[in-house]
């Protein structure tokens, strides 16, 4: 059984938030997280959301994951379909965690989805950016 793992980031005026949630195939929420950021970029906030989720995946040994993002560039980079020319410490950490996971028999599938299908993660990210709250469960 694969858990769906939806991520999203929100950035406006340099302030941001990100959120993610894990759902069963039936749609039941397994866990979620969100975090407010005082200074960020849209690229960083998306990566930070993936990074936070990967930490949960590795900590809880969640072996079968379908990672879904509405950011097509992030999906291509994580699948290694696209290279990035700048060195980014967050991206380096995310790629290291993905490599570790694949070497330890984790099955993590990375998909691009449309924004309308990512509304729960979008809500968490926007709420964290606006409210400066960082809920998790």
Protein backbone atom coordinates (compact mmCIF):
# COMPACT_ATOMS: atom_id res chain seq x y z
CA UNK A 1 0.00 0.00 0.00
CA UNK A 2 1.40 3.37 -1.04
CA UNK A 3 0.83 6.46 1.08
CA UNK A 4 0.19 9.66 -0.84
CA UNK A 5 2.53 12.44 0.23
CA UNK A 6 1.42 15.87 -1.01
CA UNK A 7 3.69 18.90 -0.59
CA UNK A 8 3.35 22.59 -1.34
CA UNK A 9 5.02 25.89 -0.60
CA UNK A 10 3.74 29.44 -0.53
CA UNK A 11 5.84 32.58 -0.84
CA UNK A 12 4.87 36.25 -0.99
CA UNK A 13 7.03 39.27 -0.28
CA UNK A 14 9.89 37.06 0.89
CA UNK A 15 7.77 35.44 3.62
CA UNK A 16 6.67 31.90 3.15
CA UNK A 17 5.16 28.77 4.46
CA UNK A 18 5.12 25.15 3.49
CA UNK A 19 2.98 22.18 4.23
CA UNK A 20 2.61 18.53 3.53
CA UNK A 21 0.38 15.63 4.37
CA UNK A 22 0.39 11.86 4.17
CA UNK A 23 -2.84 10.12 3.16
CA UNK A 24 -3.89 6.51 2.74
CA UNK A 25 -5.21 5.34 -0.65
CA UNK A 26 -8.72 5.84 0.79
CA UNK A 27 -7.89 9.50 1.55
CA UNK A 28 -7.55 9.17 5.33
CA UNK A 29 -4.95 11.59 6.74
CA UNK A 30 -2.02 9.76 8.32
CA UNK A 31 -0.08 12.88 9.39
CA UNK A 32 0.55 16.48 8.33
CA UNK A 33 2.91 19.37 8.95
CA UNK A 34 3.27 23.07 8.14
CA UNK A 35 5.84 25.72 8.92
CA UNK A 36 6.12 29.50 8.62
CA UNK A 37 9.33 31.01 7.22
CA UNK A 38 10.39 34.63 7.67
CA UNK A 39 12.72 34.82 4.67
CA UNK A 40 12.61 32.47 1.69
CA UNK A 41 12.15 32.10 -2.06
CA UNK A 42 9.48 30.11 -3.87
CA UNK A 43 12.07 27.51 -4.93
CA UNK A 44 13.43 27.08 -1.39
CA UNK A 45 10.01 26.82 0.22
CA UNK A 46 9.01 23.97 -2.11
CA UNK A 47 12.26 22.13 -1.36
CA UNK A 48 11.86 22.69 2.39
CA UNK A 49 8.43 21.08 2.24
CA UNK A 50 9.90 18.00 0.54
CA UNK A 51 12.80 17.96 3.01
CA UNK A 52 10.45 18.02 6.03
CA UNK A 53 8.41 15.17 4.60
CA UNK A 54 11.47 13.08 3.80
CA UNK A 55 12.56 13.41 7.42
CA UNK A 56 9.19 11.94 8.47
CA UNK A 57 9.46 9.16 5.85
CA UNK A 58 12.89 8.11 7.08
CA UNK A 59 12.08 8.50 10.79
CA UNK A 60 8.89 6.42 10.53
CA UNK A 61 10.30 3.99 7.91
CA UNK A 62 7.44 4.65 5.50
CA UNK A 63 8.63 2.40 2.67
CA UNK A 64 6.04 3.04 -0.08
CA UNK A 65 5.37 6.68 -0.90
CA UNK A 66 3.85 8.58 -3.82
CA UNK A 67 5.27 12.10 -3.49
CA UNK A 68 3.04 14.60 -5.30
CA UNK A 69 3.84 18.24 -5.98
CA UNK A 70 2.18 20.87 -8.13
CA UNK A 71 5.61 22.37 -8.92
CA UNK A 72 6.64 20.72 -12.18
CA UNK A 73 10.26 21.91 -11.97
CA UNK A 74 10.71 20.42 -8.49
CA UNK A 75 9.23 17.10 -9.68
CA UNK A 76 11.62 17.01 -12.66
CA UNK A 77 14.64 17.85 -10.48
CA UNK A 78 13.76 15.22 -7.86
CA UNK A 79 13.29 12.57 -10.57
CA UNK A 80 16.62 13.76 -11.99
CA UNK A 81 14.97 14.58 -15.31
CA UNK A 82 16.36 18.12 -15.01
CA UNK A 83 19.68 19.37 -13.71
CA UNK A 84 20.08 22.58 -11.75
CA UNK A 85 23.16 24.75 -12.25
CA UNK A 86 23.37 26.36 -8.82
CA UNK A 87 24.48 24.68 -5.63
CA UNK A 88 21.69 24.72 -3.09
CA UNK A 89 22.26 23.16 0.35
CA UNK A 90 18.57 22.30 0.75
CA UNK A 91 18.49 20.55 -2.64
CA UNK A 92 21.70 18.70 -1.79
CA UNK A 93 20.15 17.44 1.47
CA UNK A 94 16.91 16.40 -0.28
CA UNK A 95 18.80 14.51 -2.99
CA UNK A 96 20.98 12.82 -0.34
CA UNK A 97 17.87 11.67 1.54
CA UNK A 98 16.28 10.36 -1.69
CA UNK A 99 19.46 8.46 -2.56
CA UNK A 100 19.64 6.99 0.96
CA UNK A 101 15.99 5.95 0.72
CA UNK A 102 16.43 4.23 -2.64
CA UNK A 103 19.54 2.40 -1.38
CA UNK A 104 17.55 1.12 1.62
CA UNK A 105 14.64 -0.30 -0.38
CA UNK A 106 12.26 2.61 -0.02
CA UNK A 107 9.94 2.97 -3.01
CA UNK A 108 9.34 6.70 -3.48
CA UNK A 109 7.54 7.71 -6.68
CA UNK A 110 7.63 11.38 -7.62
CA UNK A 111 4.73 12.87 -9.57
CA UNK A 112 3.66 16.26 -10.79
CA UNK A 113 -0.03 16.96 -10.18
CA UNK A 114 -2.21 19.96 -10.94
CA UNK A 115 -2.78 22.58 -8.26
CA UNK A 116 -6.48 21.67 -7.96
CA UNK A 117 -5.49 18.14 -6.86
CA UNK A 118 -3.08 19.54 -4.25
CA UNK A 119 -5.56 21.72 -2.36
CA UNK A 120 -4.91 20.29 1.13
CA UNK A 121 -1.14 20.84 0.99
CA UNK A 122 -1.77 24.25 -0.59
CA UNK A 123 -4.07 25.18 2.31
CA UNK A 124 -1.43 24.14 4.88
CA UNK A 125 1.29 26.16 3.09
CA UNK A 126 -0.82 29.29 2.66
CA UNK A 127 -2.11 29.14 6.21
CA UNK A 128 1.44 28.77 7.60
CA UNK A 129 2.64 31.75 5.53
CA UNK A 130 -0.20 34.03 6.63
CA UNK A 131 -0.70 32.95 10.24
CA UNK A 132 2.92 32.26 11.19
CA UNK A 133 1.65 29.02 12.72
CA UNK A 134 3.41 25.66 12.37
CA UNK A 135 0.90 22.87 13.07
CA UNK A 136 1.73 19.19 12.83
CA UNK A 137 0.09 15.91 13.68
